[in-house]
Amino acid sequence: MGKRVILAVTKLVCGLAGVVFLFCPIRTSTQILINVGALTIALICGVIIYNLDDSDSRNSGYWPQDPTKSALYRDPNPKERDRPESSGSAP
């Protein structure tokens, strides 16, 4: 439970830093420092979230490990596979 609380608080801080970064005007040197600080905090929070998040969606990737076992897999050329190889001569 402690890890989930830390993740939730880190996501909140990261979101707030992102909002500050987006909406802070850049007119004075103080505002530039606030903007750079917000960006730095958001990047640090992103790294913390990446390292603490153990959900399956992070490690599974987009493609399945074996695409031929996927329910969505369809052999692209089933007839091509059954044909004998041509000798290479052009018709």
PDB file of N, CA and C in Angstrom:
ATOM      1  N   MET A   1       0.825  -1.188   0.000  1.00  0.00           N
ATOM      2  CA  MET A   1       0.000   0.000   0.000  1.00  0.00           C
ATOM      3  C   MET A   1       0.872   1.256   0.000  1.00  0.00           C
ATOM      4  N   GLY A   2       2.016   1.223   0.667  1.00  0.00           N
ATOM      5  CA  GLY A   2       2.887   2.393   0.718  1.00  0.00           C
ATOM      6  C   GLY A   2       3.402   2.784  -0.652  1.00  0.00           C
ATOM      7  N   LYS A   3       3.678   1.764  -1.491  1.00  0.00           N
ATOM      8  CA  LYS A   3       4.179   2.042  -2.833  1.00  0.00           C
ATOM      9  C   LYS A   3       3.106   2.741  -3.678  1.00  0.00           C
ATOM     10  N   ARG A   4       1.854   2.318  -3.517  1.00  0.00           N
ATOM     11  CA  ARG A   4       0.768   2.951  -4.278  1.00  0.00           C
ATOM     12  C   ARG A   4       0.558   4.392  -3.856  1.00  0.00           C
ATOM     13  N   VAL A   5       0.704   4.671  -2.569  1.00  0.00           N
ATOM     14  CA  VAL A   5       0.558   6.049  -2.084  1.00  0.00           C
ATOM     15  C   VAL A   5       1.685   6.919  -2.633  1.00  0.00           C
ATOM     16  N   ILE A   6       2.898   6.391  -2.599  1.00  0.00           N
ATOM     17  CA  ILE A   6       4.035   7.147  -3.140  1.00  0.00           C
ATOM     18  C   ILE A   6       3.842   7.401  -4.634  1.00  0.00           C
ATOM     19  N   LEU A   7       3.363   6.389  -5.359  1.00  0.00           N
ATOM     20  CA  LEU A   7       3.102   6.578  -6.795  1.00  0.00           C
ATOM     21  C   LEU A   7       2.025   7.630  -7.040  1.00  0.00           C
ATOM     22  N   ALA A   8       0.955   7.595  -6.258  1.00  0.00           N
ATOM     23  CA  ALA A   8      -0.121   8.559  -6.431  1.00  0.00           C
ATOM     24  C   ALA A   8       0.352   9.987  -6.142  1.00  0.00           C
ATOM     25  N   VAL A   9       1.107  10.153  -5.061  1.00  0.00           N
ATOM     26  CA  VAL A   9       1.610  11.489  -4.719  1.00  0.00           C
ATOM     27  C   VAL A   9       2.598  11.969  -5.776  1.00  0.00           C
ATOM     28  N   THR A  10       3.449  11.066  -6.262  1.00  0.00           N
ATOM     29  CA  THR A  10       4.420  11.443  -7.292  1.00  0.00           C
ATOM     30  C   THR A  10       3.721  11.828  -8.587  1.00  0.00           C
ATOM     31  N   LYS A  11       2.668  11.108  -8.950  1.00  0.00           N
ATOM     32  CA  LYS A  11       1.909  11.466 -10.155  1.00  0.00           C
ATOM     33  C   LYS A  11       1.233  12.820  -9.989  1.00  0.00           C
ATOM     34  N   LEU A  12       0.734  13.107  -8.795  1.00  0.00           N
ATOM     35  CA  LEU A  12       0.112  14.402  -8.531  1.00  0.00           C
ATOM     36  C   LEU A  12       1.134  15.528  -8.645  1.00  0.00           C
ATOM     37  N   VAL A  13       2.298  15.341  -8.039  1.00  0.00           N
ATOM     38  CA  VAL A  13       3.350  16.361  -8.111  1.00  0.00           C
ATOM     39  C   VAL A  13       3.806  16.544  -9.556  1.00  0.00           C
ATOM     40  N   CYS A  14       3.932  15.448 -10.281  1.00  0.00           N
ATOM     41  CA  CYS A  14       4.338  15.528 -11.683  1.00  0.00           C
ATOM     42  C   CYS A  14       3.293  16.277 -12.512  1.00  0.00           C
ATOM     43  N   GLY A  15       2.038  16.025 -12.256  1.00  0.00           N
ATOM     44  CA  GLY A  15       0.966  16.740 -12.969  1.00  0.00           C
ATOM     45  C   GLY A  15       0.955  18.223 -12.651  1.00  0.00           C
ATOM     46  N   LEU A  16       1.121  18.550 -11.378  1.00  0.00           N
ATOM     47  CA  LEU A  16       1.172  19.968 -11.001  1.00  0.00           C
ATOM     48  C   LEU A  16       2.378  20.673 -11.623  1.00  0.00           C
ATOM     49  N   ALA A  17       3.523  20.003 -11.639  1.00  0.00           N
ATOM     50  CA  ALA A  17       4.714  20.591 -12.261  1.00  0.00           C
ATOM     51  C   ALA A  17       4.500  20.783 -13.757  1.00  0.00           C
ATOM     52  N   GLY A  18       3.815  19.845 -14.382  1.00  0.00           N
ATOM     53  CA  GLY A  18       3.508  19.983 -15.805  1.00  0.00           C
ATOM     54  C   GLY A  18       2.582  21.156 -16.085  1.00  0.00           C
ATOM     55  N   VAL A  19       1.586  21.355 -15.229  1.00  0.00           N
ATOM     56  CA  VAL A  19       0.672  22.494 -15.400  1.00  0.00           C
ATOM     57  C   VAL A  19       1.413  23.810 -15.200  1.00  0.00           C
ATOM     58  N   VAL A  20       2.269  23.865 -14.197  1.00  0.00           N
ATOM     59  CA  VAL A  20       3.071  25.078 -13.969  1.00  0.00           C
ATOM     60  C   VAL A  20       3.971  25.339 -15.167  1.00  0.00           C
ATOM     61  N   PHE A  21       4.587  24.291 -15.699  1.00  0.00           N
ATOM     62  CA  PHE A  21       5.464  24.449 -16.859  1.00  0.00           C
ATOM     63  C   PHE A  21       4.697  24.986 -18.064  1.00  0.00           C
ATOM     64  N   LEU A  22       3.489  24.478 -18.265  1.00  0.00           N
ATOM     65  CA  LEU A  22       2.713  24.903 -19.442  1.00  0.00           C
ATOM     66  C   LEU A  22       2.161  26.316 -19.326  1.00  0.00           C
ATOM     67  N   PHE A  23       1.715  26.690 -18.135  1.00  0.00           N
ATOM     68  CA  PHE A  23       0.999  27.957 -18.006  1.00  0.00           C
ATOM     69  C   PHE A  23       1.804  29.094 -17.384  1.00  0.00           C
ATOM     70  N   CYS A  24       3.036  28.856 -17.004  1.00  0.00           N
ATOM     71  CA  CYS A  24       3.843  29.925 -16.421  1.00  0.00           C
ATOM     72  C   CYS A  24       4.374  30.823 -17.539  1.00  0.00           C
ATOM     73  N   PRO A  25       4.069  32.109 -17.492  1.00  0.00           N
ATOM     74  CA  PRO A  25       4.593  33.001 -18.534  1.00  0.00           C
ATOM     75  C   PRO A  25       6.101  33.186 -18.373  1.00  0.00           C
ATOM     76  N   ILE A  26       6.757  33.424 -19.481  1.00  0.00           N
ATOM     77  CA  ILE A  26       8.214  33.602 -19.441  1.00  0.00           C
ATOM     78  C   ILE A  26       8.506  35.055 -19.807  1.00  0.00           C
ATOM     79  N   ARG A  27       8.537  35.907 -18.774  1.00  0.00           N
ATOM     80  CA  ARG A  27       8.803  37.326 -18.995  1.00  0.00           C
ATOM     81  C   ARG A  27      10.001  37.814 -18.193  1.00  0.00           C
ATOM     82  N   THR A  28      10.179  37.270 -16.994  1.00  0.00           N
ATOM     83  CA  THR A  28      11.289  37.707 -16.141  1.00  0.00           C
ATOM     84  C   THR A  28      12.184  36.513 -15.848  1.00  0.00           C
ATOM     85  N   SER A  29      13.334  36.807 -15.275  1.00  0.00           N
ATOM     86  CA  SER A  29      14.257  35.713 -14.959  1.00  0.00           C
ATOM     87  C   SER A  29      13.690  34.797 -13.876  1.00  0.00           C
ATOM     88  N   THR A  30      12.895  35.336 -12.984  1.00  0.00           N
ATOM     89  CA  THR A  30      12.277  34.500 -11.946  1.00  0.00           C
ATOM     90  C   THR A  30      11.292  33.524 -12.572  1.00  0.00           C
ATOM     91  N   GLN A  31      10.520  33.980 -13.520  1.00  0.00           N
ATOM     92  CA  GLN A  31       9.566  33.095 -14.187  1.00  0.00           C
ATOM     93  C   GLN A  31      10.280  32.042 -15.025  1.00  0.00           C
ATOM     94  N   ILE A  32      11.409  32.386 -15.602  1.00  0.00           N
ATOM     95  CA  ILE A  32      12.196  31.400 -16.340  1.00  0.00           C
ATOM     96  C   ILE A  32      12.708  30.322 -15.382  1.00  0.00           C
ATOM     97  N   LEU A  33      13.185  30.744 -14.208  1.00  0.00           N
ATOM     98  CA  LEU A  33      13.646  29.777 -13.214  1.00  0.00           C
ATOM     99  C   LEU A  33      12.509  28.878 -12.732  1.00  0.00           C
ATOM    100  N   ILE A  34      11.331  29.444 -12.553  1.00  0.00           N
ATOM    101  CA  ILE A  34      10.163  28.640 -12.152  1.00  0.00           C
ATOM    102  C   ILE A  34       9.838  27.618 -13.235  1.00  0.00           C
ATOM    103  N   ASN A  35       9.905  28.040 -14.484  1.00  0.00           N
ATOM    104  CA  ASN A  35       9.599  27.153 -15.602  1.00  0.00           C
ATOM    105  C   ASN A  35      10.619  26.025 -15.691  1.00  0.00           C
ATOM    106  N   VAL A  36      11.901  26.349 -15.567  1.00  0.00           N
ATOM    107  CA  VAL A  36      12.947  25.322 -15.615  1.00  0.00           C
ATOM    108  C   VAL A  36      12.830  24.392 -14.406  1.00  0.00           C
ATOM    109  N   GLY A  37      12.534  24.938 -13.246  1.00  0.00           N
ATOM    110  CA  GLY A  37      12.352  24.115 -12.046  1.00  0.00           C
ATOM    111  C   GLY A  37      11.174  23.162 -12.190  1.00  0.00           C
ATOM    112  N   ALA A  38      10.074  23.655 -12.751  1.00  0.00           N
ATOM    113  CA  ALA A  38       8.902  22.797 -12.948  1.00  0.00           C
ATOM    114  C   ALA A  38       9.212  21.670 -13.930  1.00  0.00           C
ATOM    115  N   LEU A  39       9.949  21.984 -14.974  1.00  0.00           N
ATOM    116  CA  LEU A  39      10.329  20.954 -15.938  1.00  0.00           C
ATOM    117  C   LEU A  39      11.246  19.921 -15.282  1.00  0.00           C
ATOM    118  N   THR A  40      12.176  20.376 -14.484  1.00  0.00           N
ATOM    119  CA  THR A  40      13.090  19.463 -13.789  1.00  0.00           C
ATOM    120  C   THR A  40      12.336  18.556 -12.824  1.00  0.00           C
ATOM    121  N   ILE A  41      11.420  19.121 -12.080  1.00  0.00           N
ATOM    122  CA  ILE A  41      10.618  18.327 -11.141  1.00  0.00           C
ATOM    123  C   ILE A  41       9.769  17.305 -11.890  1.00  0.00           C
ATOM    124  N   ALA A  42       9.180  17.714 -13.015  1.00  0.00           N
ATOM    125  CA  ALA A  42       8.360  16.788 -13.797  1.00  0.00           C
ATOM    126  C   ALA A  42       9.208  15.638 -14.343  1.00  0.00           C
ATOM    127  N   LEU A  43      10.415  15.924 -14.798  1.00  0.00           N
ATOM    128  CA  LEU A  43      11.282  14.863 -15.308  1.00  0.00           C
ATOM    129  C   LEU A  43      11.723  13.911 -14.197  1.00  0.00           C
ATOM    130  N   ILE A  44      12.058  14.451 -13.034  1.00  0.00           N
ATOM    131  CA  ILE A  44      12.450  13.611 -11.903  1.00  0.00           C
ATOM    132  C   ILE A  44      11.280  12.732 -11.468  1.00  0.00           C
ATOM    133  N   CYS A  45      10.097  13.314 -11.398  1.00  0.00           N
ATOM    134  CA  CYS A  45       8.913  12.530 -11.025  1.00  0.00           C
ATOM    135  C   CYS A  45       8.633  11.442 -12.060  1.00  0.00           C
ATOM    136  N   GLY A  46       8.842  11.744 -13.336  1.00  0.00           N
ATOM    137  CA  GLY A  46       8.646  10.736 -14.383  1.00  0.00           C
ATOM    138  C   GLY A  46       9.584   9.560 -14.222  1.00  0.00           C
ATOM    139  N   VAL A  47      10.830   9.829 -13.866  1.00  0.00           N
ATOM    140  CA  VAL A  47      11.794   8.752 -13.635  1.00  0.00           C
ATOM    141  C   VAL A  47      11.389   7.932 -12.413  1.00  0.00           C
ATOM    142  N   ILE A  48      10.947   8.603 -11.362  1.00  0.00           N
ATOM    143  CA  ILE A  48      10.507   7.888 -10.152  1.00  0.00           C
ATOM    144  C   ILE A  48       9.300   7.010 -10.464  1.00  0.00           C
ATOM    145  N   ILE A  49       8.344   7.538 -11.204  1.00  0.00           N
ATOM    146  CA  ILE A  49       7.152   6.762 -11.558  1.00  0.00           C
ATOM    147  C   ILE A  49       7.548   5.559 -12.409  1.00  0.00           C
ATOM    148  N   TYR A  50       8.449   5.766 -13.364  1.00  0.00           N
ATOM    149  CA  TYR A  50       8.880   4.664 -14.229  1.00  0.00           C
ATOM    150  C   TYR A  50       9.541   3.555 -13.410  1.00  0.00           C
ATOM    151  N   ASN A  51      10.338   3.927 -12.439  1.00  0.00           N
ATOM    152  CA  ASN A  51      11.047   2.920 -11.648  1.00  0.00           C
ATOM    153  C   ASN A  51      10.166   2.237 -10.610  1.00  0.00           C
ATOM    154  N   LEU A  52       9.150   2.902 -10.102  1.00  0.00           N
ATOM    155  CA  LEU A  52       8.292   2.305  -9.067  1.00  0.00           C
ATOM    156  C   LEU A  52       7.102   1.543  -9.632  1.00  0.00           C
ATOM    157  N   ASP A  53       6.704   1.832 -10.857  1.00  0.00           N
ATOM    158  CA  ASP A  53       5.501   1.223 -11.422  1.00  0.00           C
ATOM    159  C   ASP A  53       5.800  -0.197 -11.859  1.00  0.00           C
ATOM    160  N   ASP A  54       5.112  -1.151 -11.266  1.00  0.00           N
ATOM    161  CA  ASP A  54       5.318  -2.563 -11.585  1.00  0.00           C
ATOM    162  C   ASP A  54       4.147  -3.156 -12.360  1.00  0.00           C
ATOM    163  N   SER A  55       3.351  -2.339 -13.000  1.00  0.00           N
ATOM    164  CA  SER A  55       2.193  -2.868 -13.705  1.00  0.00           C
ATOM    165  C   SER A  55       2.640  -3.670 -14.923  1.00  0.00           C
ATOM    166  N   ASP A  56       1.786  -4.564 -15.365  1.00  0.00           N
ATOM    167  CA  ASP A  56       2.105  -5.430 -16.498  1.00  0.00           C
ATOM    168  C   ASP A  56       2.171  -4.660 -17.807  1.00  0.00           C
ATOM    169  N   SER A  57       1.503  -3.531 -17.886  1.00  0.00           N
ATOM    170  CA  SER A  57       1.472  -2.786 -19.147  1.00  0.00           C
ATOM    171  C   SER A  57       2.837  -2.216 -19.504  1.00  0.00           C
ATOM    172  N   ARG A  58       3.680  -1.967 -18.503  1.00  0.00           N
ATOM    173  CA  ARG A  58       4.996  -1.395 -18.794  1.00  0.00           C
ATOM    174  C   ARG A  58       5.922  -2.433 -19.404  1.00  0.00           C
ATOM    175  N   ASN A  59       5.847  -3.669 -18.948  1.00  0.00           N
ATOM    176  CA  ASN A  59       6.795  -4.676 -19.373  1.00  0.00           C
ATOM    177  C   ASN A  59       6.306  -5.544 -20.517  1.00  0.00           C
ATOM    178  N   SER A  60       5.049  -5.453 -20.887  1.00  0.00           N
ATOM    179  CA  SER A  60       4.530  -6.355 -21.907  1.00  0.00           C
ATOM    180  C   SER A  60       4.826  -5.865 -23.314  1.00  0.00           C
ATOM    181  N   GLY A  61       4.935  -4.575 -23.506  1.00  0.00           N
ATOM    182  CA  GLY A  61       5.198  -4.062 -24.846  1.00  0.00           C
ATOM    183  C   GLY A  61       3.944  -4.064 -25.697  1.00  0.00           C
ATOM    184  N   TYR A  62       4.090  -3.612 -26.911  1.00  0.00           N
ATOM    185  CA  TYR A  62       2.932  -3.525 -27.807  1.00  0.00           C
ATOM    186  C   TYR A  62       2.650  -4.869 -28.464  1.00  0.00           C
ATOM    187  N   TRP A  63       3.692  -5.561 -28.894  1.00  0.00           N
ATOM    188  CA  TRP A  63       3.514  -6.817 -29.608  1.00  0.00           C
ATOM    189  C   TRP A  63       3.543  -7.978 -28.627  1.00  0.00           C
ATOM    190  N   PRO A  64       2.765  -9.046 -28.911  1.00  0.00           N
ATOM    191  CA  PRO A  64       2.827 -10.236 -28.054  1.00  0.00           C
ATOM    192  C   PRO A  64       4.161 -10.955 -28.238  1.00  0.00           C
ATOM    193  N   GLN A  65       4.536 -11.782 -27.269  1.00  0.00           N
ATOM    194  CA  GLN A  65       5.794 -12.510 -27.349  1.00  0.00           C
ATOM    195  C   GLN A  65       5.819 -13.443 -28.563  1.00  0.00           C
ATOM    196  N   ASP A  66       4.731 -14.174 -28.797  1.00  0.00           N
ATOM    197  CA  ASP A  66       4.630 -15.057 -29.948  1.00  0.00           C
ATOM    198  C   ASP A  66       3.390 -14.666 -30.739  1.00  0.00           C
ATOM    199  N   PRO A  67       3.546 -13.887 -31.826  1.00  0.00           N
ATOM    200  CA  PRO A  67       2.374 -13.391 -32.544  1.00  0.00           C
ATOM    201  C   PRO A  67       1.536 -14.492 -33.184  1.00  0.00           C
ATOM    202  N   THR A  68       2.123 -15.653 -33.468  1.00  0.00           N
ATOM    203  CA  THR A  68       1.341 -16.720 -34.106  1.00  0.00           C
ATOM    204  C   THR A  68       0.313 -17.306 -33.150  1.00  0.00           C
ATOM    205  N   LYS A  69       0.495 -17.116 -31.843  1.00  0.00           N
ATOM    206  CA  LYS A  69      -0.468 -17.628 -30.863  1.00  0.00           C
ATOM    207  C   LYS A  69      -1.526 -16.590 -30.502  1.00  0.00           C
ATOM    208  N   SER A  70      -1.442 -15.421 -31.081  1.00  0.00           N
ATOM    209  CA  SER A  70      -2.400 -14.367 -30.790  1.00  0.00           C
ATOM    210  C   SER A  70      -3.729 -14.676 -31.463  1.00  0.00           C
ATOM    211  N   ALA A  71      -4.816 -14.247 -30.831  1.00  0.00           N
ATOM    212  CA  ALA A  71      -6.146 -14.455 -31.404  1.00  0.00           C
ATOM    213  C   ALA A  71      -6.337 -13.622 -32.665  1.00  0.00           C
ATOM    214  N   LEU A  72      -5.570 -12.582 -32.822  1.00  0.00           N
ATOM    215  CA  LEU A  72      -5.709 -11.702 -33.979  1.00  0.00           C
ATOM    216  C   LEU A  72      -4.796 -12.090 -35.137  1.00  0.00           C
ATOM    217  N   TYR A  73      -3.972 -13.118 -34.966  1.00  0.00           N
ATOM    218  CA  TYR A  73      -3.011 -13.489 -35.998  1.00  0.00           C
ATOM    219  C   TYR A  73      -3.714 -14.179 -37.155  1.00  0.00           C
ATOM    220  N   ARG A  74      -3.328 -13.800 -38.360  1.00  0.00           N
ATOM    221  CA  ARG A  74      -3.822 -14.429 -39.575  1.00  0.00           C
ATOM    222  C   ARG A  74      -2.625 -14.595 -40.489  1.00  0.00           C
ATOM    223  N   ASP A  75      -2.468 -15.775 -41.069  1.00  0.00           N
ATOM    224  CA  ASP A  75      -1.343 -16.018 -41.967  1.00  0.00           C
ATOM    225  C   ASP A  75      -1.504 -15.112 -43.188  1.00  0.00           C
ATOM    226  N   PRO A  76      -0.519 -14.282 -43.501  1.00  0.00           N
ATOM    227  CA  PRO A  76      -0.684 -13.307 -44.570  1.00  0.00           C
ATOM    228  C   PRO A  76      -0.832 -13.936 -45.949  1.00  0.00           C
ATOM    229  N   ASN A  77      -0.130 -15.013 -46.225  1.00  0.00           N
ATOM    230  CA  ASN A  77      -0.197 -15.661 -47.539  1.00  0.00           C
ATOM    231  C   ASN A  77      -0.268 -17.172 -47.377  1.00  0.00           C
ATOM    232  N   PRO A  78      -1.433 -17.726 -47.048  1.00  0.00           N
ATOM    233  CA  PRO A  78      -1.487 -19.168 -46.830  1.00  0.00           C
ATOM    234  C   PRO A  78      -1.220 -19.946 -48.113  1.00  0.00           C
ATOM    235  N   LYS A  79      -1.597 -19.422 -49.275  1.00  0.00           N
ATOM    236  CA  LYS A  79      -1.372 -20.126 -50.536  1.00  0.00           C
ATOM    237  C   LYS A  79       0.084 -20.024 -50.964  1.00  0.00           C
ATOM    238  N   GLU A  80       0.740 -18.922 -50.615  1.00  0.00           N
ATOM    239  CA  GLU A  80       2.146 -18.737 -50.961  1.00  0.00           C
ATOM    240  C   GLU A  80       3.016 -19.794 -50.285  1.00  0.00           C
ATOM    241  N   ARG A  81       2.649 -20.181 -49.100  1.00  0.00           N
ATOM    242  CA  ARG A  81       3.438 -21.129 -48.342  1.00  0.00           C
ATOM    243  C   ARG A  81       3.377 -22.525 -48.967  1.00  0.00           C
ATOM    244  N   ASP A  82       2.247 -22.875 -49.595  1.00  0.00           N
ATOM    245  CA  ASP A  82       2.075 -24.208 -50.155  1.00  0.00           C
ATOM    246  C   ASP A  82       2.665 -24.340 -51.555  1.00  0.00           C
ATOM    247  N   ARG A  83       2.960 -23.219 -52.222  1.00  0.00           N
ATOM    248  CA  ARG A  83       3.514 -23.273 -53.579  1.00  0.00           C
ATOM    249  C   ARG A  83       4.968 -23.717 -53.547  1.00  0.00           C
ATOM    250  N   PRO A  84       5.375 -24.471 -54.563  1.00  0.00           N
ATOM    251  CA  PRO A  84       6.793 -24.806 -54.656  1.00  0.00           C
ATOM    252  C   PRO A  84       7.583 -23.574 -55.103  1.00  0.00           C
ATOM    253  N   GLU A  85       8.843 -23.547 -54.735  1.00  0.00           N
ATOM    254  CA  GLU A  85       9.701 -22.429 -55.133  1.00  0.00           C
ATOM    255  C   GLU A  85       9.888 -22.428 -56.631  1.00  0.00           C
ATOM    256  N   SER A  86       9.897 -21.245 -57.228  1.00  0.00           N
ATOM    257  CA  SER A  86      10.128 -21.148 -58.671  1.00  0.00           C
ATOM    258  C   SER A  86      11.623 -21.255 -58.942  1.00  0.00           C
ATOM    259  N   SER A  87      11.968 -21.613 -60.174  1.00  0.00           N
ATOM    260  CA  SER A  87      13.374 -21.807 -60.527  1.00  0.00           C
ATOM    261  C   SER A  87      14.095 -20.488 -60.753  1.00  0.00           C
ATOM    262  N   GLY A  88      13.380 -19.389 -60.743  1.00  0.00           N
ATOM    263  CA  GLY A  88      14.001 -18.089 -60.891  1.00  0.00           C
ATOM    264  C   GLY A  88      13.945 -17.566 -62.309  1.00  0.00           C
ATOM    265  N   SER A  89      13.434 -18.317 -63.253  1.00  0.00           N
ATOM    266  CA  SER A  89      13.348 -17.842 -64.640  1.00  0.00           C
ATOM    267  C   SER A  89      12.120 -16.965 -64.801  1.00  0.00           C
ATOM    268  N   ALA A  90      12.271 -15.904 -65.527  1.00  0.00           N
ATOM    269  CA  ALA A  90      11.162 -14.981 -65.769  1.00  0.00           C
ATOM    270  C   ALA A  90      10.279 -15.520 -66.871  1.00  0.00           C
ATOM    271  N   PRO A  91       8.980 -15.315 -66.796  1.00  0.00           N
ATOM    272  CA  PRO A  91       8.065 -15.831 -67.844  1.00  0.00           C
ATOM    273  C   PRO A  91       8.188 -15.077 -69.141  1.00  0.00           C
TER     274      PRO A  91
END
